[in-house]
Amino acid sequence: MPEFDRRVLEVLREPLESGVITISRAARQADFPARFQLIAAMNPCPCGYLGHPANKCRCSPDMVVRYQARISGPLLDRIDLQIQVAALPQEDLLRQADGEPSTAIAQRVALAYARQEARQGKANFAMTPKEIDTYCRPAPAAEQLLRSAMTRLNWSARACHRVLKVARTIADLAQSETIGSEHVAEAIQYRRALVSP
């Protein structure tokens, strides 16, 4: 992601938020549907080895900060899931992974989606702030956990709403009517900050 011009990246903010892109030319304006799922990746630093267990990073702390700052806070705010993926040890690369079959996961996702449609008539990602207040009320302990994370991580209201929507989805996947602490804790983990130098 940081290899793109910052102005190009900032243009993504509006369609990520509204699902619409507006083109204005010579006193005319046209709106186009632009609902999409953004999947992006970036290295933690210019050389790519910050935090790597075997290779030494060659970047100064200042270079790392400048590199990571190419992605603005407002753009990161609009990305629901942000996870760090560590390098796998060589012996794990060729090992057959244990895991659930895709068919079982697909069934669980279909059931969660059906719950969302029955509850609010749309998928969780499409909820408005008012709908979030109605359908994403966490249990008291979960709310306290969320408040603590908001304070500690200095989140905006937008980031809080996105965490609540992800927590609601996690609860739906677990077939839970209530958003519990475990759902909020998992959603918080999916908004981890970038690696610091």
N, C-alpha and C. Protein backbone atom coordinates (compact mmCIF):
# COMPACT_ATOMS: atom_id res chain seq x y z
N MET A 1 0.80 -1.21 0.00
CA MET A 1 0.00 0.00 0.00
C MET A 1 0.84 1.28 0.00
N PRO A 2 1.90 1.34 0.80
CA PRO A 2 2.66 2.60 0.85
C PRO A 2 3.39 2.94 -0.45
N GLU A 3 3.44 2.01 -1.39
CA GLU A 3 4.11 2.30 -2.67
C GLU A 3 3.24 3.16 -3.58
N PHE A 4 1.95 3.28 -3.28
CA PHE A 4 1.08 4.16 -4.06
C PHE A 4 1.23 5.59 -3.57
N ASP A 5 1.02 6.54 -4.46
CA ASP A 5 1.04 7.95 -4.09
C ASP A 5 -0.03 8.21 -3.02
N ARG A 6 0.33 8.99 -2.02
CA ARG A 6 -0.59 9.24 -0.90
C ARG A 6 -1.91 9.86 -1.37
N ARG A 7 -1.85 10.73 -2.38
CA ARG A 7 -3.10 11.35 -2.87
C ARG A 7 -4.03 10.31 -3.48
N VAL A 8 -3.45 9.31 -4.14
CA VAL A 8 -4.26 8.23 -4.71
C VAL A 8 -4.93 7.43 -3.60
N LEU A 9 -4.18 7.13 -2.55
CA LEU A 9 -4.74 6.38 -1.43
C LEU A 9 -5.86 7.15 -0.73
N GLU A 10 -5.67 8.46 -0.58
CA GLU A 10 -6.67 9.27 0.12
C GLU A 10 -8.00 9.31 -0.63
N VAL A 11 -7.96 9.14 -1.95
CA VAL A 11 -9.19 9.13 -2.74
C VAL A 11 -10.06 7.92 -2.37
N LEU A 12 -9.45 6.89 -1.81
CA LEU A 12 -10.21 5.71 -1.41
C LEU A 12 -11.13 5.97 -0.22
N ARG A 13 -10.86 7.03 0.54
CA ARG A 13 -11.62 7.25 1.77
C ARG A 13 -13.12 7.38 1.52
N GLU A 14 -13.51 8.20 0.54
CA GLU A 14 -14.94 8.43 0.30
C GLU A 14 -15.67 7.15 -0.10
N PRO A 15 -15.20 6.40 -1.11
CA PRO A 15 -15.95 5.18 -1.46
C PRO A 15 -15.91 4.11 -0.38
N LEU A 16 -14.83 4.04 0.40
CA LEU A 16 -14.80 3.08 1.51
C LEU A 16 -15.89 3.40 2.53
N GLU A 17 -16.13 4.67 2.74
CA GLU A 17 -17.12 5.11 3.73
C GLU A 17 -18.55 5.03 3.20
N SER A 18 -18.76 5.54 1.99
CA SER A 18 -20.13 5.69 1.49
C SER A 18 -20.55 4.65 0.46
N GLY A 19 -19.59 3.98 -0.18
CA GLY A 19 -19.94 3.04 -1.24
C GLY A 19 -20.31 3.73 -2.54
N VAL A 20 -19.99 5.03 -2.63
CA VAL A 20 -20.30 5.82 -3.82
C VAL A 20 -19.09 6.69 -4.13
N ILE A 21 -18.82 6.89 -5.42
CA ILE A 21 -17.77 7.84 -5.80
C ILE A 21 -18.41 8.92 -6.66
N THR A 22 -18.04 10.16 -6.39
CA THR A 22 -18.60 11.30 -7.09
C THR A 22 -17.54 11.92 -7.98
N ILE A 23 -17.87 12.09 -9.25
CA ILE A 23 -16.97 12.73 -10.22
C ILE A 23 -17.57 14.08 -10.57
N SER A 24 -16.78 15.14 -10.37
CA SER A 24 -17.24 16.49 -10.69
C SER A 24 -16.38 17.06 -11.81
N ARG A 25 -17.03 17.52 -12.87
CA ARG A 25 -16.33 18.13 -14.00
C ARG A 25 -17.19 19.27 -14.56
N ALA A 26 -16.62 20.44 -14.73
CA ALA A 26 -17.26 21.57 -15.42
C ALA A 26 -18.74 21.73 -15.07
N ALA A 27 -18.99 22.01 -13.81
CA ALA A 27 -20.34 22.29 -13.31
C ALA A 27 -21.29 21.10 -13.42
N ARG A 28 -20.77 19.93 -13.66
CA ARG A 28 -21.60 18.71 -13.68
C ARG A 28 -21.05 17.73 -12.67
N GLN A 29 -21.93 16.92 -12.17
CA GLN A 29 -21.54 15.96 -11.15
C GLN A 29 -22.25 14.63 -11.41
N ALA A 30 -21.54 13.54 -11.26
CA ALA A 30 -22.14 12.21 -11.44
C ALA A 30 -21.71 11.31 -10.29
N ASP A 31 -22.66 10.55 -9.76
CA ASP A 31 -22.38 9.59 -8.70
C ASP A 31 -22.39 8.18 -9.29
N PHE A 32 -21.40 7.38 -8.90
CA PHE A 32 -21.30 6.01 -9.38
C PHE A 32 -21.22 5.07 -8.18
N PRO A 33 -21.88 3.91 -8.27
CA PRO A 33 -21.76 2.95 -7.16
C PRO A 33 -20.33 2.44 -7.07
N ALA A 34 -19.83 2.34 -5.86
CA ALA A 34 -18.44 1.90 -5.67
C ALA A 34 -18.31 1.08 -4.40
N ARG A 35 -19.24 0.17 -4.17
CA ARG A 35 -19.16 -0.71 -3.00
C ARG A 35 -18.16 -1.81 -3.33
N PHE A 36 -17.11 -1.92 -2.54
CA PHE A 36 -16.06 -2.90 -2.81
C PHE A 36 -15.42 -3.35 -1.52
N GLN A 37 -14.69 -4.43 -1.61
CA GLN A 37 -13.95 -4.94 -0.45
C GLN A 37 -12.47 -4.68 -0.73
N LEU A 38 -11.85 -3.88 0.12
CA LEU A 38 -10.44 -3.54 -0.05
C LEU A 38 -9.59 -4.54 0.72
N ILE A 39 -8.68 -5.17 0.02
CA ILE A 39 -7.69 -6.04 0.64
C ILE A 39 -6.33 -5.48 0.25
N ALA A 40 -5.56 -5.09 1.23
CA ALA A 40 -4.27 -4.44 0.96
C ALA A 40 -3.20 -5.04 1.86
N ALA A 41 -1.97 -4.87 1.47
CA ALA A 41 -0.85 -5.36 2.27
C ALA A 41 0.26 -4.33 2.25
N MET A 42 1.09 -4.39 3.28
CA MET A 42 2.27 -3.53 3.33
C MET A 42 3.32 -4.19 4.20
N ASN A 43 4.57 -3.86 3.93
CA ASN A 43 5.66 -4.30 4.79
C ASN A 43 5.71 -3.39 6.01
N PRO A 44 6.33 -3.84 7.11
CA PRO A 44 6.41 -2.98 8.29
C PRO A 44 7.42 -1.84 8.13
N CYS A 45 8.31 -1.95 7.14
CA CYS A 45 9.34 -0.93 6.91
C CYS A 45 9.81 -1.02 5.47
N PRO A 46 10.63 -0.09 4.99
CA PRO A 46 11.06 -0.13 3.59
C PRO A 46 11.80 -1.42 3.20
N CYS A 47 12.65 -1.96 4.07
CA CYS A 47 13.38 -3.18 3.71
C CYS A 47 12.54 -4.43 3.92
N GLY A 48 11.49 -4.35 4.73
CA GLY A 48 10.58 -5.47 4.94
C GLY A 48 10.94 -6.40 6.08
N TYR A 49 12.01 -6.12 6.82
CA TYR A 49 12.47 -7.06 7.84
C TYR A 49 12.27 -6.60 9.27
N LEU A 50 11.57 -5.51 9.51
CA LEU A 50 11.32 -5.06 10.89
C LEU A 50 10.55 -6.14 11.65
N GLY A 51 11.10 -6.59 12.77
CA GLY A 51 10.46 -7.62 13.57
C GLY A 51 10.68 -9.04 13.10
N HIS A 52 11.42 -9.24 12.00
CA HIS A 52 11.68 -10.58 11.48
C HIS A 52 12.65 -11.31 12.40
N PRO A 53 12.38 -12.58 12.73
CA PRO A 53 13.24 -13.27 13.69
C PRO A 53 14.64 -13.61 13.15
N ALA A 54 14.78 -13.78 11.83
CA ALA A 54 16.07 -14.23 11.29
C ALA A 54 16.85 -13.13 10.57
N ASN A 55 16.16 -12.21 9.93
CA ASN A 55 16.84 -11.15 9.17
C ASN A 55 16.83 -9.84 9.94
N LYS A 56 17.91 -9.11 9.82
CA LYS A 56 18.04 -7.85 10.56
C LYS A 56 17.54 -6.69 9.69
N CYS A 57 16.71 -5.86 10.29
CA CYS A 57 16.19 -4.68 9.60
C CYS A 57 17.31 -3.65 9.42
N ARG A 58 17.38 -3.07 8.22
CA ARG A 58 18.41 -2.08 7.91
C ARG A 58 17.89 -0.64 8.01
N CYS A 59 16.64 -0.48 8.41
CA CYS A 59 16.01 0.84 8.39
C CYS A 59 16.20 1.55 9.73
N SER A 60 16.41 2.85 9.67
CA SER A 60 16.48 3.65 10.89
C SER A 60 15.05 3.85 11.42
N PRO A 61 14.89 4.13 12.71
CA PRO A 61 13.54 4.39 13.24
C PRO A 61 12.82 5.50 12.48
N ASP A 62 13.58 6.52 12.04
CA ASP A 62 12.98 7.62 11.30
C ASP A 62 12.44 7.13 9.94
N MET A 63 13.18 6.25 9.27
CA MET A 63 12.72 5.70 7.98
C MET A 63 11.44 4.89 8.17
N VAL A 64 11.37 4.12 9.25
CA VAL A 64 10.19 3.30 9.51
C VAL A 64 8.97 4.20 9.75
N VAL A 65 9.14 5.23 10.55
CA VAL A 65 8.03 6.15 10.84
C VAL A 65 7.55 6.83 9.56
N ARG A 66 8.48 7.29 8.73
CA ARG A 66 8.10 7.95 7.46
C ARG A 66 7.37 6.97 6.54
N TYR A 67 7.86 5.74 6.48
CA TYR A 67 7.25 4.72 5.62
C TYR A 67 5.82 4.43 6.07
N GLN A 68 5.63 4.18 7.37
CA GLN A 68 4.30 3.85 7.87
C GLN A 68 3.35 5.04 7.80
N ALA A 69 3.91 6.26 7.85
CA ALA A 69 3.07 7.46 7.80
C ALA A 69 2.51 7.72 6.40
N ARG A 70 2.95 6.95 5.41
CA ARG A 70 2.37 7.09 4.07
C ARG A 70 0.90 6.69 4.05
N ILE A 71 0.50 5.89 5.04
CA ILE A 71 -0.91 5.51 5.18
C ILE A 71 -1.49 6.38 6.29
N SER A 72 -2.42 7.24 5.94
CA SER A 72 -2.95 8.20 6.92
C SER A 72 -3.86 7.52 7.94
N GLY A 73 -3.97 8.13 9.10
CA GLY A 73 -4.88 7.65 10.14
C GLY A 73 -6.32 7.58 9.66
N PRO A 74 -6.83 8.62 8.96
CA PRO A 74 -8.21 8.54 8.48
C PRO A 74 -8.46 7.39 7.51
N LEU A 75 -7.47 7.04 6.69
CA LEU A 75 -7.64 5.89 5.80
C LEU A 75 -7.63 4.59 6.61
N LEU A 76 -6.69 4.46 7.56
CA LEU A 76 -6.65 3.27 8.41
C LEU A 76 -7.94 3.11 9.21
N ASP A 77 -8.53 4.23 9.62
CA ASP A 77 -9.80 4.20 10.36
C ASP A 77 -10.89 3.49 9.58
N ARG A 78 -10.83 3.54 8.26
CA ARG A 78 -11.88 2.97 7.40
C ARG A 78 -11.61 1.51 7.03
N ILE A 79 -10.53 0.95 7.52
CA ILE A 79 -10.20 -0.45 7.24
C ILE A 79 -10.56 -1.26 8.48
N ASP A 80 -11.54 -2.15 8.34
CA ASP A 80 -12.09 -2.87 9.50
C ASP A 80 -11.09 -3.82 10.15
N LEU A 81 -10.40 -4.61 9.36
CA LEU A 81 -9.50 -5.62 9.89
C LEU A 81 -8.07 -5.27 9.51
N GLN A 82 -7.21 -5.19 10.50
CA GLN A 82 -5.79 -4.87 10.29
C GLN A 82 -4.98 -5.86 11.11
N ILE A 83 -4.34 -6.79 10.47
CA ILE A 83 -3.58 -7.80 11.21
C ILE A 83 -2.14 -7.85 10.73
N GLN A 84 -1.27 -8.25 11.64
CA GLN A 84 0.13 -8.45 11.31
C GLN A 84 0.33 -9.93 11.02
N VAL A 85 1.04 -10.23 9.95
CA VAL A 85 1.32 -11.61 9.58
C VAL A 85 2.81 -11.81 9.67
N ALA A 86 3.24 -12.58 10.65
CA ALA A 86 4.68 -12.82 10.85
C ALA A 86 5.18 -13.82 9.81
N ALA A 87 6.48 -13.78 9.56
CA ALA A 87 7.11 -14.74 8.65
C ALA A 87 7.04 -16.13 9.26
N LEU A 88 6.73 -17.12 8.44
CA LEU A 88 6.66 -18.50 8.91
C LEU A 88 8.05 -19.11 8.94
N PRO A 89 8.35 -19.92 9.94
CA PRO A 89 9.62 -20.66 9.92
C PRO A 89 9.64 -21.61 8.72
N GLN A 90 10.82 -21.88 8.18
CA GLN A 90 10.93 -22.71 6.98
C GLN A 90 10.28 -24.08 7.13
N GLU A 91 10.41 -24.68 8.32
CA GLU A 91 9.84 -26.02 8.51
C GLU A 91 8.32 -26.01 8.44
N ASP A 92 7.68 -24.85 8.70
CA ASP A 92 6.22 -24.76 8.64
C ASP A 92 5.70 -24.49 7.24
N LEU A 93 6.56 -24.00 6.34
CA LEU A 93 6.09 -23.62 5.01
C LEU A 93 5.56 -24.82 4.22
N LEU A 94 6.19 -25.99 4.34
CA LEU A 94 5.80 -27.15 3.56
C LEU A 94 4.91 -28.12 4.33
N ARG A 95 4.68 -27.84 5.60
CA ARG A 95 3.84 -28.70 6.42
C ARG A 95 2.37 -28.54 6.03
N GLN A 96 1.66 -29.66 6.01
CA GLN A 96 0.23 -29.63 5.71
C GLN A 96 -0.49 -28.97 6.89
N ALA A 97 -1.24 -27.94 6.61
CA ALA A 97 -1.93 -27.22 7.68
C ALA A 97 -3.16 -27.99 8.14
N ASP A 98 -3.34 -28.03 9.47
CA ASP A 98 -4.58 -28.57 10.02
C ASP A 98 -5.60 -27.45 9.98
N GLY A 99 -6.81 -27.77 9.68
CA GLY A 99 -7.82 -26.72 9.66
C GLY A 99 -9.17 -27.26 9.28
N GLU A 100 -10.13 -26.37 9.34
CA GLU A 100 -11.50 -26.70 9.01
C GLU A 100 -11.67 -26.73 7.50
N PRO A 101 -12.50 -27.61 6.98
CA PRO A 101 -12.76 -27.58 5.53
C PRO A 101 -13.56 -26.32 5.16
N SER A 102 -13.35 -25.85 3.96
CA SER A 102 -14.04 -24.64 3.48
C SER A 102 -15.56 -24.79 3.51
N THR A 103 -16.06 -25.99 3.27
CA THR A 103 -17.52 -26.18 3.27
C THR A 103 -18.12 -25.89 4.65
N ALA A 104 -17.43 -26.30 5.72
CA ALA A 104 -17.93 -26.03 7.07
C ALA A 104 -17.91 -24.54 7.37
N ILE A 105 -16.86 -23.86 6.93
CA ILE A 105 -16.76 -22.41 7.14
C ILE A 105 -17.85 -21.70 6.35
N ALA A 106 -18.06 -22.13 5.10
CA ALA A 106 -19.09 -21.51 4.25
C ALA A 106 -20.48 -21.64 4.89
N GLN A 107 -20.77 -22.81 5.48
CA GLN A 107 -22.06 -22.99 6.13
C GLN A 107 -22.21 -22.05 7.33
N ARG A 108 -21.16 -21.90 8.12
CA ARG A 108 -21.20 -21.02 9.29
C ARG A 108 -21.39 -19.56 8.86
N VAL A 109 -20.72 -19.17 7.78
CA VAL A 109 -20.85 -17.80 7.27
C VAL A 109 -22.27 -17.57 6.74
N ALA A 110 -22.82 -18.54 6.03
CA ALA A 110 -24.18 -18.40 5.50
C ALA A 110 -25.19 -18.24 6.64
N LEU A 111 -25.02 -19.01 7.71
CA LEU A 111 -25.92 -18.89 8.87
C LEU A 111 -25.79 -17.51 9.53
N ALA A 112 -24.54 -17.02 9.66
CA ALA A 112 -24.33 -15.70 10.26
C ALA A 112 -24.96 -14.61 9.40
N TYR A 113 -24.81 -14.74 8.08
CA TYR A 113 -25.41 -13.75 7.17
C TYR A 113 -26.93 -13.78 7.28
N ALA A 114 -27.50 -14.97 7.38
CA ALA A 114 -28.96 -15.10 7.51
C ALA A 114 -29.43 -14.43 8.81
N ARG A 115 -28.65 -14.56 9.89
CA ARG A 115 -29.00 -13.89 11.16
C ARG A 115 -29.03 -12.38 10.98
N GLN A 116 -28.04 -11.86 10.25
CA GLN A 116 -27.96 -10.41 10.03
C GLN A 116 -29.15 -9.92 9.21
N GLU A 117 -29.48 -10.65 8.16
CA GLU A 117 -30.62 -10.27 7.32
C GLU A 117 -31.92 -10.31 8.12
N ALA A 118 -32.09 -11.33 8.96
CA ALA A 118 -33.32 -11.44 9.76
C ALA A 118 -33.40 -10.34 10.80
N ARG A 119 -32.25 -9.97 11.39
CA ARG A 119 -32.23 -8.99 12.48
C ARG A 119 -32.42 -7.57 11.96
N GLN A 120 -31.61 -7.16 10.96
CA GLN A 120 -31.66 -5.76 10.54
C GLN A 120 -31.87 -5.56 9.04
N GLY A 121 -32.08 -6.65 8.30
CA GLY A 121 -32.38 -6.52 6.87
C GLY A 121 -31.18 -6.19 6.00
N LYS A 122 -29.99 -6.33 6.52
CA LYS A 122 -28.77 -6.05 5.76
C LYS A 122 -27.58 -6.65 6.48
N ALA A 123 -26.46 -6.71 5.79
CA ALA A 123 -25.22 -7.23 6.40
C ALA A 123 -24.71 -6.23 7.43
N ASN A 124 -23.95 -6.72 8.39
CA ASN A 124 -23.43 -5.87 9.46
C ASN A 124 -22.58 -4.71 8.94
N PHE A 125 -21.78 -4.95 7.90
CA PHE A 125 -20.90 -3.89 7.41
C PHE A 125 -21.67 -2.68 6.91
N ALA A 126 -22.92 -2.87 6.51
CA ALA A 126 -23.72 -1.79 5.91
C ALA A 126 -24.55 -1.01 6.94
N MET A 127 -24.42 -1.35 8.22
CA MET A 127 -25.22 -0.65 9.23
C MET A 127 -24.83 0.81 9.36
N THR A 128 -25.84 1.65 9.57
CA THR A 128 -25.63 3.06 9.82
C THR A 128 -25.29 3.26 11.31
N PRO A 129 -24.79 4.44 11.69
CA PRO A 129 -24.51 4.68 13.12
C PRO A 129 -25.72 4.43 14.03
N LYS A 130 -26.91 4.82 13.58
CA LYS A 130 -28.11 4.59 14.39
C LYS A 130 -28.38 3.10 14.55
N GLU A 131 -28.20 2.34 13.46
CA GLU A 131 -28.40 0.89 13.53
C GLU A 131 -27.34 0.23 14.42
N ILE A 132 -26.13 0.75 14.40
CA ILE A 132 -25.07 0.22 15.28
C ILE A 132 -25.51 0.39 16.74
N ASP A 133 -26.05 1.57 17.06
CA ASP A 133 -26.53 1.81 18.44
C ASP A 133 -27.63 0.83 18.83
N THR A 134 -28.46 0.44 17.86
CA THR A 134 -29.58 -0.47 18.14
C THR A 134 -29.14 -1.93 18.21
N TYR A 135 -28.35 -2.38 17.24
CA TYR A 135 -28.07 -3.81 17.09
C TYR A 135 -26.70 -4.25 17.61
N CYS A 136 -25.84 -3.32 17.95
CA CYS A 136 -24.48 -3.68 18.38
C CYS A 136 -24.20 -3.28 19.82
N ARG A 137 -25.19 -3.40 20.67
CA ARG A 137 -24.99 -3.05 22.09
C ARG A 137 -24.26 -4.19 22.78
N PRO A 138 -23.04 -3.95 23.25
CA PRO A 138 -22.32 -5.02 23.93
C PRO A 138 -22.82 -5.21 25.36
N ALA A 139 -22.56 -6.38 25.92
CA ALA A 139 -22.85 -6.65 27.33
C ALA A 139 -22.01 -5.69 28.18
N PRO A 140 -22.41 -5.42 29.43
CA PRO A 140 -21.69 -4.43 30.25
C PRO A 140 -20.18 -4.66 30.36
N ALA A 141 -19.76 -5.90 30.58
CA ALA A 141 -18.31 -6.17 30.69
C ALA A 141 -17.62 -5.93 29.35
N ALA A 142 -18.30 -6.29 28.25
CA ALA A 142 -17.74 -6.07 26.91
C ALA A 142 -17.63 -4.57 26.61
N GLU A 143 -18.63 -3.82 27.04
CA GLU A 143 -18.60 -2.36 26.83
C GLU A 143 -17.44 -1.73 27.61
N GLN A 144 -17.20 -2.21 28.81
CA GLN A 144 -16.08 -1.70 29.60
C GLN A 144 -14.75 -2.01 28.92
N LEU A 145 -14.62 -3.20 28.36
CA LEU A 145 -13.42 -3.58 27.62
C LEU A 145 -13.22 -2.68 26.41
N LEU A 146 -14.29 -2.39 25.69
CA LEU A 146 -14.22 -1.51 24.53
C LEU A 146 -13.83 -0.10 24.93
N ARG A 147 -14.42 0.42 26.01
CA ARG A 147 -14.08 1.77 26.48
C ARG A 147 -12.59 1.85 26.85
N SER A 148 -12.10 0.82 27.50
CA SER A 148 -10.69 0.78 27.89
C SER A 148 -9.79 0.79 26.66
N ALA A 149 -10.14 -0.01 25.64
CA ALA A 149 -9.35 -0.04 24.41
C ALA A 149 -9.39 1.30 23.69
N MET A 150 -10.56 1.93 23.65
CA MET A 150 -10.70 3.23 22.99
C MET A 150 -9.78 4.26 23.63
N THR A 151 -9.74 4.26 24.97
CA THR A 151 -8.90 5.22 25.69
C THR A 151 -7.42 4.92 25.48
N ARG A 152 -7.05 3.65 25.63
CA ARG A 152 -5.65 3.25 25.53
C ARG A 152 -5.11 3.43 24.12
N LEU A 153 -5.92 3.13 23.10
CA LEU A 153 -5.47 3.17 21.72
C LEU A 153 -5.84 4.48 21.01
N ASN A 154 -6.54 5.37 21.72
CA ASN A 154 -6.91 6.67 21.18
C ASN A 154 -7.70 6.55 19.87
N TRP A 155 -8.74 5.72 19.90
CA TRP A 155 -9.55 5.48 18.71
C TRP A 155 -10.56 6.60 18.48
N SER A 156 -10.89 6.80 17.23
CA SER A 156 -11.95 7.74 16.86
C SER A 156 -13.30 7.04 17.00
N ALA A 157 -14.37 7.81 16.88
CA ALA A 157 -15.72 7.22 16.92
C ALA A 157 -15.91 6.26 15.76
N ARG A 158 -15.33 6.60 14.61
CA ARG A 158 -15.43 5.72 13.44
C ARG A 158 -14.79 4.36 13.74
N ALA A 159 -13.59 4.38 14.34
CA ALA A 159 -12.90 3.12 14.68
C ALA A 159 -13.74 2.31 15.66
N CYS A 160 -14.33 2.97 16.63
CA CYS A 160 -15.18 2.29 17.62
C CYS A 160 -16.37 1.62 16.93
N HIS A 161 -17.03 2.33 16.02
CA HIS A 161 -18.16 1.76 15.30
C HIS A 161 -17.74 0.55 14.47
N ARG A 162 -16.58 0.63 13.86
CA ARG A 162 -16.11 -0.49 13.05
C ARG A 162 -15.80 -1.71 13.92
N VAL A 163 -15.22 -1.47 15.09
CA VAL A 163 -14.96 -2.58 16.01
C VAL A 163 -16.28 -3.21 16.46
N LEU A 164 -17.29 -2.39 16.75
CA LEU A 164 -18.59 -2.93 17.16
C LEU A 164 -19.22 -3.78 16.05
N LYS A 165 -19.10 -3.34 14.79
CA LYS A 165 -19.66 -4.13 13.68
C LYS A 165 -18.92 -5.46 13.53
N VAL A 166 -17.61 -5.43 13.70
CA VAL A 166 -16.84 -6.68 13.62
C VAL A 166 -17.20 -7.59 14.79
N ALA A 167 -17.33 -7.02 16.00
CA ALA A 167 -17.72 -7.81 17.17
C ALA A 167 -19.11 -8.43 16.97
N ARG A 168 -20.04 -7.66 16.38
CA ARG A 168 -21.38 -8.19 16.10
C ARG A 168 -21.29 -9.38 15.13
N THR A 169 -20.42 -9.27 14.15
CA THR A 169 -20.23 -10.36 13.18
C THR A 169 -19.62 -11.58 13.85
N ILE A 170 -18.65 -11.37 14.72
CA ILE A 170 -18.03 -12.49 15.46
C ILE A 170 -19.08 -13.18 16.32
N ALA A 171 -19.93 -12.39 16.98
CA ALA A 171 -21.01 -12.96 17.79
C ALA A 171 -21.99 -13.73 16.90
N ASP A 172 -22.30 -13.21 15.71
CA ASP A 172 -23.20 -13.91 14.79
C ASP A 172 -22.60 -15.25 14.36
N LEU A 173 -21.29 -15.26 14.09
CA LEU A 173 -20.63 -16.51 13.71
C LEU A 173 -20.67 -17.53 14.85
N ALA A 174 -20.66 -17.04 16.09
CA ALA A 174 -20.74 -17.91 17.26
C ALA A 174 -22.19 -18.20 17.66
N GLN A 175 -23.16 -17.72 16.87
CA GLN A 175 -24.59 -17.90 17.12
C GLN A 175 -25.00 -17.32 18.47
N SER A 176 -24.44 -16.16 18.79
CA SER A 176 -24.74 -15.51 20.06
C SER A 176 -25.56 -14.24 19.81
N GLU A 177 -26.65 -14.11 20.55
CA GLU A 177 -27.47 -12.89 20.43
C GLU A 177 -26.76 -11.70 21.08
N THR A 178 -25.97 -11.97 22.12
CA THR A 178 -25.30 -10.92 22.88
C THR A 178 -23.86 -10.78 22.43
N ILE A 179 -23.39 -9.54 22.35
CA ILE A 179 -21.98 -9.28 22.07
C ILE A 179 -21.26 -9.32 23.40
N GLY A 180 -20.49 -10.37 23.62
CA GLY A 180 -19.79 -10.56 24.88
C GLY A 180 -18.36 -10.05 24.84
N SER A 181 -17.70 -10.14 25.97
CA SER A 181 -16.31 -9.69 26.08
C SER A 181 -15.39 -10.41 25.11
N GLU A 182 -15.63 -11.72 24.92
CA GLU A 182 -14.78 -12.49 24.02
C GLU A 182 -14.90 -12.01 22.57
N HIS A 183 -16.10 -11.56 22.19
CA HIS A 183 -16.31 -11.05 20.82
C HIS A 183 -15.63 -9.69 20.65
N VAL A 184 -15.78 -8.83 21.65
CA VAL A 184 -15.13 -7.51 21.59
C VAL A 184 -13.61 -7.66 21.63
N ALA A 185 -13.11 -8.55 22.47
CA ALA A 185 -11.66 -8.75 22.57
C ALA A 185 -11.09 -9.22 21.24
N GLU A 186 -11.79 -10.14 20.56
CA GLU A 186 -11.31 -10.60 19.26
C GLU A 186 -11.34 -9.48 18.24
N ALA A 187 -12.41 -8.69 18.23
CA ALA A 187 -12.51 -7.57 17.28
C ALA A 187 -11.40 -6.55 17.52
N ILE A 188 -11.07 -6.30 18.78
CA ILE A 188 -9.98 -5.36 19.11
C ILE A 188 -8.66 -5.88 18.54
N GLN A 189 -8.45 -7.20 18.64
CA GLN A 189 -7.21 -7.80 18.12
C GLN A 189 -7.06 -7.62 16.62
N TYR A 190 -8.18 -7.46 15.92
CA TYR A 190 -8.13 -7.28 14.47
C TYR A 190 -7.86 -5.83 14.06
N ARG A 191 -7.63 -4.96 15.04
CA ARG A 191 -7.27 -3.56 14.74
C ARG A 191 -5.93 -3.23 15.38
N ARG A 192 -4.99 -4.13 15.27
CA ARG A 192 -3.69 -3.92 15.88
C ARG A 192 -2.91 -2.85 15.13
N ALA A 193 -2.20 -2.06 15.88
CA ALA A 193 -1.41 -0.97 15.29
C ALA A 193 -0.23 -1.55 14.52
N LEU A 194 0.36 -0.71 13.69
CA LEU A 194 1.57 -1.11 12.96
C LEU A 194 2.72 -1.38 13.93
N VAL A 195 3.68 -2.16 13.48
CA VAL A 195 4.84 -2.47 14.30
C VAL A 195 5.69 -1.21 14.48
N SER A 196 6.10 -0.92 15.70
CA SER A 196 6.93 0.26 15.95
C SER A 196 8.40 -0.11 15.81
N PRO A 197 9.23 0.88 15.44
CA PRO A 197 10.67 0.61 15.33
C PRO A 197 11.31 0.42 16.70
